[in-house]
Amino acid sequence: MLLLNREDIKKVFSMKDAIEADKKAFTLVVEGKCDAPLRTNIQAPRYEGCFLFMPAYVEEMDTASLKIINIFPHNIDEGLPSSPAQVLLIDGKTGIVTAVLDGTYVTQMRTGAASGAAFDVLAKKDCKIGALIGTGGQAATQLEAMLAARKLEEVRVYDLNYDRTEVFARKMQEELASYGAKITAVKSSDEAIDDADLLITVTPSSTPVFDGTKIKKGATISCVGAYQHHMQEMDPAILPRASKIYFDSKDAVLSESGDILIPLEEGIITEDDFTGDLGSVIKGELVGRENDDEIIVFETVGVATQDLMAAKTIYDRAVAAGVGIDWK
């Protein structure tokens, strides 16, 4: 069994690799080739947290996986990851666990890459300004995915804690300098989204974190944080303005995400307003962006197929490169 930590993974797996792995995962989802039951969610109300268990199996790849991920949003106040996790990669022929990966980093990469895949497929080509709302454990890779998908001049970052936002922006400016974008901390959501071509929200908020009436024409929005029914980062005012609404998995979103479930219940939208899954666009079975004025919304809650594809790609490359610890 191969043990792969964060640094091992970094040696063999880039954000662009993660975006391509997610594209393959989303394709497998719409093709029905991955058996990935909806995740088991056990609540930990004392700490406003939860334990999540996410299995997946792709028969044609002889590969299975299980991610154990525990969401504890207050960890950030203690300098701890808000979503600690492990991914087990399993041989589909024997049932033997072949690798244990740092699931926190795998989750960060594949979750960021979901936004990157959406922007790569759906965003207009000429994007200059990005906006990121949220600076928690998933934010760094969301930011990198945005930069990897489009050549941006500036990304504005907003969080409720401005001091933390400034620290985050400075750190990201240094770590992501090779992308050539200016990364700026701002003091309001309105300032962040002003004239933004790309917007990512990645917070645990139960109330909207941006004003949907102020989103410019042509923007592409990826909402990442609303993984439970009571969570709602997205301002529902954006939905009637959106030309198209896509998902990583419609079934997963409609089982979990308050961003979509609440507006459905309130009658702001109906299921007839949904365009479909991103995998269908990647496969060429569904139309993507048709002009530069369309506002496009992408809602992602994450599917276990992403973990499987990321883990398999990382494992194969790590074995070839001799990276990691072989635990016998």
C-alpha atoms as a PDB file:
ATOM      1  CA  MET A   1       0.000   0.000   0.000  1.00  0.00           C
ATOM      2  CA  LEU A   2       1.368   3.365  -1.043  1.00  0.00           C
ATOM      3  CA  LEU A   3       1.104   6.321   1.323  1.00  0.00           C
ATOM      4  CA  LEU A   4       0.974   9.688  -0.441  1.00  0.00           C
ATOM      5  CA  ASN A   5       1.079  12.966   1.445  1.00  0.00           C
ATOM      6  CA  ARG A   6       0.512  16.484   0.181  1.00  0.00           C
ATOM      7  CA  GLU A   7       4.094  17.021  -0.967  1.00  0.00           C
ATOM      8  CA  ASP A   8       4.144  13.678  -2.772  1.00  0.00           C
ATOM      9  CA  ILE A   9       0.975  14.613  -4.642  1.00  0.00           C
ATOM     10  CA  LYS A  10       2.338  18.031  -5.600  1.00  0.00           C
ATOM     11  CA  LYS A  11       5.291  16.344  -7.306  1.00  0.00           C
ATOM     12  CA  VAL A  12       3.111  14.463  -9.772  1.00  0.00           C
ATOM     13  CA  PHE A  13      -0.235  16.327 -10.021  1.00  0.00           C
ATOM     14  CA  SER A  14      -0.859  19.924 -11.112  1.00  0.00           C
ATOM     15  CA  MET A  15      -4.033  22.006 -11.231  1.00  0.00           C
ATOM     16  CA  LYS A  16      -4.246  21.527 -14.993  1.00  0.00           C
ATOM     17  CA  ASP A  17      -3.985  17.769 -14.384  1.00  0.00           C
ATOM     18  CA  ALA A  18      -6.787  18.040 -11.829  1.00  0.00           C
ATOM     19  CA  ILE A  19      -9.011  19.912 -14.281  1.00  0.00           C
ATOM     20  CA  GLU A  20      -8.542  17.186 -16.881  1.00  0.00           C
ATOM     21  CA  ALA A  21      -9.230  14.482 -14.272  1.00  0.00           C
ATOM     22  CA  ASP A  22     -12.455  16.267 -13.277  1.00  0.00           C
ATOM     23  CA  LYS A  23     -13.542  16.516 -16.898  1.00  0.00           C
ATOM     24  CA  LYS A  24     -13.141  12.752 -17.196  1.00  0.00           C
ATOM     25  CA  ALA A  25     -15.021  12.272 -13.928  1.00  0.00           C
ATOM     26  CA  PHE A  26     -17.949  14.421 -15.073  1.00  0.00           C
ATOM     27  CA  THR A  27     -18.032  12.486 -18.338  1.00  0.00           C
ATOM     28  CA  LEU A  28     -18.192   9.168 -16.450  1.00  0.00           C
ATOM     29  CA  VAL A  29     -21.083  10.564 -14.388  1.00  0.00           C
ATOM     30  CA  VAL A  30     -23.276  11.356 -17.397  1.00  0.00           C
ATOM     31  CA  GLU A  31     -22.312   8.081 -19.091  1.00  0.00           C
ATOM     32  CA  GLY A  32     -23.466   6.190 -16.016  1.00  0.00           C
ATOM     33  CA  LYS A  33     -20.161   4.349 -15.803  1.00  0.00           C
ATOM     34  CA  CYS A  34     -19.419   5.149 -12.169  1.00  0.00           C
ATOM     35  CA  ASP A  35     -21.348   3.608  -9.311  1.00  0.00           C
ATOM     36  CA  ALA A  36     -21.191   6.422  -6.774  1.00  0.00           C
ATOM     37  CA  PRO A  37     -23.979   6.356  -4.179  1.00  0.00           C
ATOM     38  CA  LEU A  38     -24.898   9.696  -2.657  1.00  0.00           C
ATOM     39  CA  ARG A  39     -22.597  10.378   0.239  1.00  0.00           C
ATOM     40  CA  THR A  40     -23.448   9.310   3.759  1.00  0.00           C
ATOM     41  CA  ASN A  41     -23.770  12.401   5.954  1.00  0.00           C
ATOM     42  CA  ILE A  42     -23.564  12.095   9.746  1.00  0.00           C
ATOM     43  CA  GLN A  43     -24.162  15.369  11.579  1.00  0.00           C
ATOM     44  CA  ALA A  44     -22.005  16.633  14.445  1.00  0.00           C
ATOM     45  CA  PRO A  45     -24.239  19.498  15.651  1.00  0.00           C
ATOM     46  CA  ARG A  46     -22.179  20.294  18.751  1.00  0.00           C
ATOM     47  CA  TYR A  47     -19.450  21.629  16.465  1.00  0.00           C
ATOM     48  CA  GLU A  48     -21.616  22.593  13.468  1.00  0.00           C
ATOM     49  CA  GLY A  49     -19.771  19.869  11.601  1.00  0.00           C
ATOM     50  CA  CYS A  50     -20.448  16.631   9.794  1.00  0.00           C
ATOM     51  CA  PHE A  51     -18.790  13.383   8.755  1.00  0.00           C
ATOM     52  CA  LEU A  52     -19.065  12.449   5.083  1.00  0.00           C
ATOM     53  CA  PHE A  53     -18.329   9.079   3.453  1.00  0.00           C
ATOM     54  CA  MET A  54     -18.064   8.990  -0.337  1.00  0.00           C
ATOM     55  CA  PRO A  55     -17.586   5.677  -2.198  1.00  0.00           C
ATOM     56  CA  ALA A  56     -17.142   5.201  -5.941  1.00  0.00           C
ATOM     57  CA  TYR A  57     -16.493   2.320  -8.343  1.00  0.00           C
ATOM     58  CA  VAL A  58     -15.715   2.316 -12.071  1.00  0.00           C
ATOM     59  CA  GLU A  59     -15.940  -1.229 -13.385  1.00  0.00           C
ATOM     60  CA  GLU A  60     -14.199  -0.567 -16.691  1.00  0.00           C
ATOM     61  CA  MET A  61     -11.192   0.837 -14.794  1.00  0.00           C
ATOM     62  CA  ASP A  62     -11.150  -1.943 -12.161  1.00  0.00           C
ATOM     63  CA  THR A  63     -10.873   0.819  -9.586  1.00  0.00           C
ATOM     64  CA  ALA A  64     -12.810   1.854  -6.509  1.00  0.00           C
ATOM     65  CA  SER A  65     -12.291   4.556  -3.909  1.00  0.00           C
ATOM     66  CA  LEU A  66     -13.590   5.743  -0.585  1.00  0.00           C
ATOM     67  CA  LYS A  67     -13.148   9.254   0.739  1.00  0.00           C
ATOM     68  CA  ILE A  68     -13.666  10.019   4.392  1.00  0.00           C
ATOM     69  CA  ILE A  69     -14.067  13.757   4.780  1.00  0.00           C
ATOM     70  CA  ASN A  70     -15.129  15.602   7.897  1.00  0.00           C
ATOM     71  CA  ILE A  71     -16.416  19.173   7.519  1.00  0.00           C
ATOM     72  CA  PHE A  72     -15.755  21.303  10.605  1.00  0.00           C
ATOM     73  CA  PRO A  73     -15.938  24.986   9.585  1.00  0.00           C
ATOM     74  CA  HIS A  74     -14.666  26.334  12.916  1.00  0.00           C
ATOM     75  CA  ASN A  75     -11.319  24.577  12.433  1.00  0.00           C
ATOM     76  CA  ILE A  76     -10.162  27.602  10.475  1.00  0.00           C
ATOM     77  CA  ASP A  77     -10.174  29.624  13.711  1.00  0.00           C
ATOM     78  CA  GLU A  78      -7.634  27.164  15.150  1.00  0.00           C
ATOM     79  CA  GLY A  79      -5.437  27.111  12.076  1.00  0.00           C
ATOM     80  CA  LEU A  80      -6.661  23.615  11.154  1.00  0.00           C
ATOM     81  CA  PRO A  81      -8.107  22.388   7.843  1.00  0.00           C
ATOM     82  CA  SER A  82     -11.861  22.875   7.700  1.00  0.00           C
ATOM     83  CA  SER A  83     -12.273  19.638   5.752  1.00  0.00           C
ATOM     84  CA  PRO A  84      -9.705  17.020   6.904  1.00  0.00           C
ATOM     85  CA  ALA A  85      -9.870  13.884   4.782  1.00  0.00           C
ATOM     86  CA  GLN A  86      -8.282  10.693   3.514  1.00  0.00           C
ATOM     87  CA  VAL A  87      -8.856   8.925   0.193  1.00  0.00           C
ATOM     88  CA  LEU A  88      -8.479   5.163  -0.074  1.00  0.00           C
ATOM     89  CA  LEU A  89      -7.768   3.843  -3.582  1.00  0.00           C
ATOM     90  CA  ILE A  90      -8.914   0.248  -4.007  1.00  0.00           C
ATOM     91  CA  ASP A  91      -8.006  -2.392  -6.599  1.00  0.00           C
ATOM     92  CA  GLY A  92     -11.263  -3.356  -8.293  1.00  0.00           C
ATOM     93  CA  LYS A  93      -9.992  -6.874  -9.077  1.00  0.00           C
ATOM     94  CA  THR A  94      -8.974  -7.862  -5.548  1.00  0.00           C
ATOM     95  CA  GLY A  95     -10.607  -5.357  -3.193  1.00  0.00           C
ATOM     96  CA  ILE A  96      -7.194  -4.565  -1.723  1.00  0.00           C
ATOM     97  CA  VAL A  97      -6.454  -0.966  -0.739  1.00  0.00           C
ATOM     98  CA  THR A  98      -3.534   0.082  -2.946  1.00  0.00           C
ATOM     99  CA  ALA A  99      -3.028   3.614  -1.650  1.00  0.00           C
ATOM    100  CA  VAL A 100      -3.986   6.061   1.061  1.00  0.00           C
ATOM    101  CA  LEU A 101      -3.794   9.674  -0.066  1.00  0.00           C
ATOM    102  CA  ASP A 102      -3.956  12.986   1.759  1.00  0.00           C
ATOM    103  CA  GLY A 103      -7.647  13.475   1.141  1.00  0.00           C
ATOM    104  CA  THR A 104      -7.616  17.075   2.301  1.00  0.00           C
ATOM    105  CA  TYR A 105      -5.317  18.001  -0.565  1.00  0.00           C
ATOM    106  CA  VAL A 106      -7.040  15.705  -3.062  1.00  0.00           C
ATOM    107  CA  THR A 107     -10.348  17.353  -2.115  1.00  0.00           C
ATOM    108  CA  GLN A 108      -8.891  20.826  -2.434  1.00  0.00           C
ATOM    109  CA  MET A 109      -7.482  20.034  -5.862  1.00  0.00           C
ATOM    110  CA  ARG A 110     -10.493  18.227  -7.335  1.00  0.00           C
ATOM    111  CA  THR A 111     -12.966  20.733  -5.854  1.00  0.00           C
ATOM    112  CA  GLY A 112     -11.001  23.660  -7.232  1.00  0.00           C
ATOM    113  CA  ALA A 113     -10.708  21.826 -10.524  1.00  0.00           C
ATOM    114  CA  ALA A 114     -14.512  21.567 -10.772  1.00  0.00           C
ATOM    115  CA  SER A 115     -14.673  25.352 -11.038  1.00  0.00           C
ATOM    116  CA  GLY A 116     -11.692  25.263 -13.386  1.00  0.00           C
ATOM    117  CA  ALA A 117     -13.421  22.713 -15.622  1.00  0.00           C
ATOM    118  CA  ALA A 118     -16.625  24.769 -15.645  1.00  0.00           C
ATOM    119  CA  PHE A 119     -14.753  27.950 -16.546  1.00  0.00           C
ATOM    120  CA  ASP A 120     -12.671  26.150 -19.183  1.00  0.00           C
ATOM    121  CA  VAL A 121     -15.826  24.803 -20.843  1.00  0.00           C
ATOM    122  CA  LEU A 122     -18.378  27.573 -20.179  1.00  0.00           C
ATOM    123  CA  ALA A 123     -16.638  30.928 -19.635  1.00  0.00           C
ATOM    124  CA  LYS A 124     -16.148  33.417 -22.435  1.00  0.00           C
ATOM    125  CA  LYS A 125     -12.634  33.389 -23.819  1.00  0.00           C
ATOM    126  CA  ASP A 126     -11.758  36.997 -22.990  1.00  0.00           C
ATOM    127  CA  CYS A 127     -11.924  37.236 -19.182  1.00  0.00           C
ATOM    128  CA  LYS A 128      -9.989  39.905 -17.294  1.00  0.00           C
ATOM    129  CA  ILE A 129     -11.336  40.084 -13.731  1.00  0.00           C
ATOM    130  CA  GLY A 130     -12.094  37.313 -11.276  1.00  0.00           C
ATOM    131  CA  ALA A 131     -13.801  37.385  -7.896  1.00  0.00           C
ATOM    132  CA  LEU A 132     -13.402  34.903  -5.045  1.00  0.00           C
ATOM    133  CA  ILE A 133     -15.675  34.989  -2.009  1.00  0.00           C
ATOM    134  CA  GLY A 134     -14.340  32.905   0.879  1.00  0.00           C
ATOM    135  CA  THR A 135     -10.808  32.262   2.160  1.00  0.00           C
ATOM    136  CA  GLY A 136     -11.226  28.912   3.921  1.00  0.00           C
ATOM    137  CA  GLY A 137      -9.538  25.596   3.289  1.00  0.00           C
ATOM    138  CA  GLN A 138     -10.858  25.220  -0.278  1.00  0.00           C
ATOM    139  CA  ALA A 139     -10.140  28.783  -1.385  1.00  0.00           C
ATOM    140  CA  ALA A 140      -6.515  28.518  -2.543  1.00  0.00           C
ATOM    141  CA  THR A 141      -7.173  25.832  -5.133  1.00  0.00           C
ATOM    142  CA  GLN A 142     -10.368  27.557  -6.262  1.00  0.00           C
ATOM    143  CA  LEU A 143      -8.279  30.627  -6.944  1.00  0.00           C
ATOM    144  CA  GLU A 144      -5.619  28.659  -8.794  1.00  0.00           C
ATOM    145  CA  ALA A 145      -8.251  26.878 -10.888  1.00  0.00           C
ATOM    146  CA  MET A 146      -9.702  30.214 -11.958  1.00  0.00           C
ATOM    147  CA  LEU A 147      -6.256  31.396 -13.002  1.00  0.00           C
ATOM    148  CA  ALA A 148      -5.483  28.120 -14.761  1.00  0.00           C
ATOM    149  CA  ALA A 149      -8.700  28.293 -16.804  1.00  0.00           C
ATOM    150  CA  ARG A 150      -8.413  31.896 -18.010  1.00  0.00           C
ATOM    151  CA  LYS A 151      -5.639  34.500 -18.297  1.00  0.00           C
ATOM    152  CA  LEU A 152      -6.829  37.059 -15.750  1.00  0.00           C
ATOM    153  CA  GLU A 153      -5.396  40.458 -14.920  1.00  0.00           C
ATOM    154  CA  GLU A 154      -6.835  40.670 -11.411  1.00  0.00           C
ATOM    155  CA  VAL A 155      -8.700  38.573  -8.844  1.00  0.00           C
ATOM    156  CA  ARG A 156     -10.486  40.322  -5.993  1.00  0.00           C
ATOM    157  CA  VAL A 157     -10.918  38.341  -2.795  1.00  0.00           C
ATOM    158  CA  TYR A 158     -13.545  38.971  -0.128  1.00  0.00           C
ATOM    159  CA  ASP A 159     -14.229  37.355   3.233  1.00  0.00           C
ATOM    160  CA  LEU A 160     -16.064  38.521   6.354  1.00  0.00           C
ATOM    161  CA  ASN A 161     -12.720  38.748   8.175  1.00  0.00           C
ATOM    162  CA  TYR A 162     -10.723  41.415   6.315  1.00  0.00           C
ATOM    163  CA  ASP A 163      -7.472  40.773   8.189  1.00  0.00           C
ATOM    164  CA  ARG A 164      -7.608  37.117   7.200  1.00  0.00           C
ATOM    165  CA  THR A 165      -8.464  38.136   3.649  1.00  0.00           C
ATOM    166  CA  GLU A 166      -5.385  40.348   3.441  1.00  0.00           C
ATOM    167  CA  VAL A 167      -3.149  37.555   4.713  1.00  0.00           C
ATOM    168  CA  PHE A 168      -4.679  35.145   2.217  1.00  0.00           C
ATOM    169  CA  ALA A 169      -4.283  37.553  -0.701  1.00  0.00           C
ATOM    170  CA  ARG A 170      -0.635  38.230   0.116  1.00  0.00           C
ATOM    171  CA  LYS A 171       0.126  34.535   0.411  1.00  0.00           C
ATOM    172  CA  MET A 172      -1.640  33.710  -2.844  1.00  0.00           C
ATOM    173  CA  GLN A 173       0.076  36.577  -4.653  1.00  0.00           C
ATOM    174  CA  GLU A 174       3.396  34.951  -3.761  1.00  0.00           C
ATOM    175  CA  GLU A 175       2.411  31.316  -4.357  1.00  0.00           C
ATOM    176  CA  LEU A 176       0.572  31.929  -7.636  1.00  0.00           C
ATOM    177  CA  ALA A 177       2.865  34.625  -9.022  1.00  0.00           C
ATOM    178  CA  SER A 178       3.583  32.564 -12.140  1.00  0.00           C
ATOM    179  CA  TYR A 179       0.019  33.184 -13.381  1.00  0.00           C
ATOM    180  CA  GLY A 180       0.739  36.907 -13.605  1.00  0.00           C
ATOM    181  CA  ALA A 181      -2.487  38.162 -12.014  1.00  0.00           C
ATOM    182  CA  LYS A 182      -2.872  40.786  -9.302  1.00  0.00           C
ATOM    183  CA  ILE A 183      -4.603  39.328  -6.253  1.00  0.00           C
ATOM    184  CA  THR A 184      -6.347  41.961  -4.163  1.00  0.00           C
ATOM    185  CA  ALA A 185      -8.163  41.835  -0.820  1.00  0.00           C
ATOM    186  CA  VAL A 186     -11.346  43.929  -0.804  1.00  0.00           C
ATOM    187  CA  LYS A 187     -13.722  44.983   1.961  1.00  0.00           C
ATOM    188  CA  SER A 188     -17.100  44.168   0.420  1.00  0.00           C
ATOM    189  CA  SER A 189     -18.765  41.599  -1.760  1.00  0.00           C
ATOM    190  CA  ASP A 190     -19.960  44.361  -4.098  1.00  0.00           C
ATOM    191  CA  GLU A 191     -16.384  45.494  -4.625  1.00  0.00           C
ATOM    192  CA  ALA A 192     -15.320  41.941  -5.380  1.00  0.00           C
ATOM    193  CA  ILE A 193     -17.953  41.255  -8.031  1.00  0.00           C
ATOM    194  CA  ASP A 194     -17.833  44.676  -9.727  1.00  0.00           C
ATOM    195  CA  ASP A 195     -17.178  44.015 -13.449  1.00  0.00           C
ATOM    196  CA  ALA A 196     -16.048  40.436 -12.656  1.00  0.00           C
ATOM    197  CA  ASP A 197     -16.050  37.960 -15.534  1.00  0.00           C
ATOM    198  CA  LEU A 198     -15.606  34.956 -13.241  1.00  0.00           C
ATOM    199  CA  LEU A 199     -16.980  34.472  -9.738  1.00  0.00           C
ATOM    200  CA  ILE A 200     -16.415  31.647  -7.277  1.00  0.00           C
ATOM    201  CA  THR A 201     -18.190  31.412  -3.934  1.00  0.00           C
ATOM    202  CA  VAL A 202     -16.726  28.938  -1.453  1.00  0.00           C
ATOM    203  CA  THR A 203     -18.207  29.571   1.990  1.00  0.00           C
ATOM    204  CA  PRO A 204     -20.435  27.697   4.478  1.00  0.00           C
ATOM    205  CA  SER A 205     -22.929  30.590   4.480  1.00  0.00           C
ATOM    206  CA  SER A 206     -26.663  30.092   4.963  1.00  0.00           C
ATOM    207  CA  THR A 207     -27.412  33.510   3.436  1.00  0.00           C
ATOM    208  CA  PRO A 208     -26.414  34.837  -0.015  1.00  0.00           C
ATOM    209  CA  VAL A 209     -22.895  36.264  -0.189  1.00  0.00           C
ATOM    210  CA  PHE A 210     -23.290  38.455  -3.291  1.00  0.00           C
ATOM    211  CA  ASP A 211     -25.912  40.646  -4.944  1.00  0.00           C
ATOM    212  CA  GLY A 212     -27.204  38.814  -8.005  1.00  0.00           C
ATOM    213  CA  THR A 213     -28.545  42.007  -9.562  1.00  0.00           C
ATOM    214  CA  LYS A 214     -24.999  43.401  -9.789  1.00  0.00           C
ATOM    215  CA  ILE A 215     -23.427  40.542 -11.749  1.00  0.00           C
ATOM    216  CA  LYS A 216     -22.355  41.755 -15.190  1.00  0.00           C
ATOM    217  CA  LYS A 217     -23.532  40.286 -18.471  1.00  0.00           C
ATOM    218  CA  GLY A 218     -21.242  37.524 -19.711  1.00  0.00           C
ATOM    219  CA  ALA A 219     -20.151  36.415 -16.238  1.00  0.00           C
ATOM    220  CA  THR A 220     -19.701  32.774 -15.295  1.00  0.00           C
ATOM    221  CA  ILE A 221     -20.417  31.846 -11.682  1.00  0.00           C
ATOM    222  CA  SER A 222     -19.318  28.733  -9.811  1.00  0.00           C
ATOM    223  CA  CYS A 223     -20.964  28.159  -6.430  1.00  0.00           C
ATOM    224  CA  VAL A 224     -19.104  25.577  -4.379  1.00  0.00           C
ATOM    225  CA  GLY A 225     -19.892  25.831  -0.697  1.00  0.00           C
ATOM    226  CA  ALA A 226     -23.599  24.946  -0.336  1.00  0.00           C
ATOM    227  CA  TYR A 227     -23.371  21.212   0.285  1.00  0.00           C
ATOM    228  CA  GLN A 228     -26.390  21.051   2.616  1.00  0.00           C
ATOM    229  CA  HIS A 229     -30.033  22.071   2.265  1.00  0.00           C
ATOM    230  CA  HIS A 230     -29.819  25.031   4.672  1.00  0.00           C
ATOM    231  CA  MET A 231     -26.761  26.535   2.978  1.00  0.00           C
ATOM    232  CA  GLN A 232     -27.275  29.260   0.401  1.00  0.00           C
ATOM    233  CA  GLU A 233     -24.302  31.243  -0.904  1.00  0.00           C
ATOM    234  CA  MET A 234     -25.919  32.074  -4.216  1.00  0.00           C
ATOM    235  CA  ASP A 235     -28.247  35.059  -4.442  1.00  0.00           C
ATOM    236  CA  PRO A 236     -31.351  33.533  -6.079  1.00  0.00           C
ATOM    237  CA  ALA A 237     -31.787  36.810  -7.968  1.00  0.00           C
ATOM    238  CA  ILE A 238     -29.077  35.586 -10.345  1.00  0.00           C
ATOM    239  CA  LEU A 239     -31.064  32.540 -11.442  1.00  0.00           C
ATOM    240  CA  PRO A 240     -33.778  34.307 -13.500  1.00  0.00           C
ATOM    241  CA  ARG A 241     -30.979  36.372 -15.085  1.00  0.00           C
ATOM    242  CA  ALA A 242     -28.955  33.287 -16.024  1.00  0.00           C
ATOM    243  CA  SER A 243     -29.188  32.002 -19.584  1.00  0.00           C
ATOM    244  CA  LYS A 244     -28.020  28.559 -18.528  1.00  0.00           C
ATOM    245  CA  ILE A 245     -27.702  26.599 -15.263  1.00  0.00           C
ATOM    246  CA  TYR A 246     -25.335  23.624 -15.136  1.00  0.00           C
ATOM    247  CA  PHE A 247     -24.396  21.095 -12.463  1.00  0.00           C
ATOM    248  CA  ASP A 248     -21.596  18.667 -11.731  1.00  0.00           C
ATOM    249  CA  SER A 249     -24.429  16.192 -11.092  1.00  0.00           C
ATOM    250  CA  LYS A 250     -28.089  17.198 -11.109  1.00  0.00           C
ATOM    251  CA  ASP A 251     -29.000  14.281  -8.840  1.00  0.00           C
ATOM    252  CA  ALA A 252     -26.339  15.222  -6.291  1.00  0.00           C
ATOM    253  CA  VAL A 253     -27.238  18.921  -6.339  1.00  0.00           C
ATOM    254  CA  LEU A 254     -30.945  18.236  -5.924  1.00  0.00           C
ATOM    255  CA  SER A 255     -30.239  15.992  -2.965  1.00  0.00           C
ATOM    256  CA  GLU A 256     -28.114  18.519  -1.098  1.00  0.00           C
ATOM    257  CA  SER A 257     -27.652  22.095  -2.243  1.00  0.00           C
ATOM    258  CA  GLY A 258     -29.686  24.919  -0.726  1.00  0.00           C
ATOM    259  CA  ASP A 259     -28.455  27.166  -3.548  1.00  0.00           C
ATOM    260  CA  ILE A 260     -30.867  25.336  -5.844  1.00  0.00           C
ATOM    261  CA  LEU A 261     -33.324  23.630  -3.497  1.00  0.00           C
ATOM    262  CA  ILE A 262     -34.413  26.837  -1.734  1.00  0.00           C
ATOM    263  CA  PRO A 263     -35.167  28.790  -4.952  1.00  0.00           C
ATOM    264  CA  LEU A 264     -37.050  25.733  -6.237  1.00  0.00           C
ATOM    265  CA  GLU A 265     -39.179  25.624  -3.107  1.00  0.00           C
ATOM    266  CA  GLU A 266     -39.818  29.365  -3.306  1.00  0.00           C
ATOM    267  CA  GLY A 267     -40.858  29.162  -6.941  1.00  0.00           C
ATOM    268  CA  ILE A 268     -38.067  31.427  -8.172  1.00  0.00           C
ATOM    269  CA  ILE A 269     -37.057  28.729 -10.654  1.00  0.00           C
ATOM    270  CA  THR A 270     -38.368  25.367 -11.807  1.00  0.00           C
ATOM    271  CA  GLU A 271     -36.524  22.293 -13.055  1.00  0.00           C
ATOM    272  CA  ASP A 272     -37.368  23.436 -16.578  1.00  0.00           C
ATOM    273  CA  ASP A 273     -34.791  26.188 -16.065  1.00  0.00           C
ATOM    274  CA  PHE A 274     -31.953  23.673 -15.652  1.00  0.00           C
ATOM    275  CA  THR A 275     -29.676  23.156 -18.637  1.00  0.00           C
ATOM    276  CA  GLY A 276     -27.961  19.937 -17.529  1.00  0.00           C
ATOM    277  CA  ASP A 277     -24.718  18.394 -16.332  1.00  0.00           C
ATOM    278  CA  LEU A 278     -21.292  19.715 -17.316  1.00  0.00           C
ATOM    279  CA  GLY A 279     -20.265  16.251 -18.490  1.00  0.00           C
ATOM    280  CA  SER A 280     -22.866  16.424 -21.262  1.00  0.00           C
ATOM    281  CA  VAL A 281     -21.297  19.668 -22.498  1.00  0.00           C
ATOM    282  CA  ILE A 282     -17.828  18.100 -22.405  1.00  0.00           C
ATOM    283  CA  LYS A 283     -19.150  15.161 -24.444  1.00  0.00           C
ATOM    284  CA  GLY A 284     -20.699  17.514 -26.992  1.00  0.00           C
ATOM    285  CA  GLU A 285     -24.233  16.318 -26.217  1.00  0.00           C
ATOM    286  CA  LEU A 286     -25.366  19.622 -24.711  1.00  0.00           C
ATOM    287  CA  VAL A 287     -24.781  23.179 -25.826  1.00  0.00           C
ATOM    288  CA  GLY A 288     -22.445  25.388 -23.784  1.00  0.00           C
ATOM    289  CA  ARG A 289     -22.001  29.152 -23.979  1.00  0.00           C
ATOM    290  CA  GLU A 290     -23.468  30.600 -27.160  1.00  0.00           C
ATOM    291  CA  ASN A 291     -22.464  34.264 -26.828  1.00  0.00           C
ATOM    292  CA  ASP A 292     -20.445  36.629 -24.630  1.00  0.00           C
ATOM    293  CA  ASP A 293     -23.514  38.205 -23.001  1.00  0.00           C
ATOM    294  CA  GLU A 294     -24.900  35.070 -21.399  1.00  0.00           C
ATOM    295  CA  ILE A 295     -24.735  34.778 -17.616  1.00  0.00           C
ATOM    296  CA  ILE A 296     -23.969  31.154 -16.808  1.00  0.00           C
ATOM    297  CA  VAL A 297     -24.315  29.493 -13.401  1.00  0.00           C
ATOM    298  CA  PHE A 298     -22.531  26.300 -12.349  1.00  0.00           C
ATOM    299  CA  GLU A 299     -23.490  24.603  -9.083  1.00  0.00           C
ATOM    300  CA  THR A 300     -21.189  21.931  -7.704  1.00  0.00           C
ATOM    301  CA  VAL A 301     -21.515  19.843  -4.555  1.00  0.00           C
ATOM    302  CA  GLY A 302     -18.816  17.351  -5.514  1.00  0.00           C
ATOM    303  CA  VAL A 303     -19.157  13.731  -6.580  1.00  0.00           C
ATOM    304  CA  ALA A 304     -17.061  10.759  -5.506  1.00  0.00           C
ATOM    305  CA  THR A 305     -16.096  10.093  -9.124  1.00  0.00           C
ATOM    306  CA  GLN A 306     -13.834  13.159  -8.902  1.00  0.00           C
ATOM    307  CA  ASP A 307     -11.963  11.634  -5.973  1.00  0.00           C
ATOM    308  CA  LEU A 308     -11.571   8.338  -7.802  1.00  0.00           C
ATOM    309  CA  MET A 309     -10.219   9.911 -10.978  1.00  0.00           C
ATOM    310  CA  ALA A 310      -7.856  12.218  -9.089  1.00  0.00           C
ATOM    311  CA  ALA A 311      -6.587   9.419  -6.843  1.00  0.00           C
ATOM    312  CA  LYS A 312      -6.071   7.001  -9.746  1.00  0.00           C
ATOM    313  CA  THR A 313      -4.166   9.598 -11.775  1.00  0.00           C
ATOM    314  CA  ILE A 314      -2.006  10.523  -8.781  1.00  0.00           C
ATOM    315  CA  TYR A 315      -1.339   6.880  -7.871  1.00  0.00           C
ATOM    316  CA  ASP A 316      -0.294   5.874 -11.396  1.00  0.00           C
ATOM    317  CA  ARG A 317       2.067   8.820 -11.680  1.00  0.00           C
ATOM    318  CA  ALA A 318       3.477   8.303  -8.196  1.00  0.00           C
ATOM    319  CA  VAL A 319       4.257   4.650  -8.932  1.00  0.00           C
ATOM    320  CA  ALA A 320       5.969   5.608 -12.194  1.00  0.00           C
ATOM    321  CA  ALA A 321       8.009   8.330 -10.453  1.00  0.00           C
ATOM    322  CA  GLY A 322       8.861   6.314  -7.354  1.00  0.00           C
ATOM    323  CA  VAL A 323       7.102   8.823  -5.084  1.00  0.00           C
ATOM    324  CA  GLY A 324       5.538   8.041  -1.705  1.00  0.00           C
ATOM    325  CA  ILE A 325       6.068   5.529   1.112  1.00  0.00           C
ATOM    326  CA  ASP A 326       5.428   1.845   0.462  1.00  0.00           C
ATOM    327  CA  TRP A 327       3.730   0.499   3.578  1.00  0.00           C
ATOM    328  CA  LYS A 328       4.006  -3.274   3.657  1.00  0.00           C
END
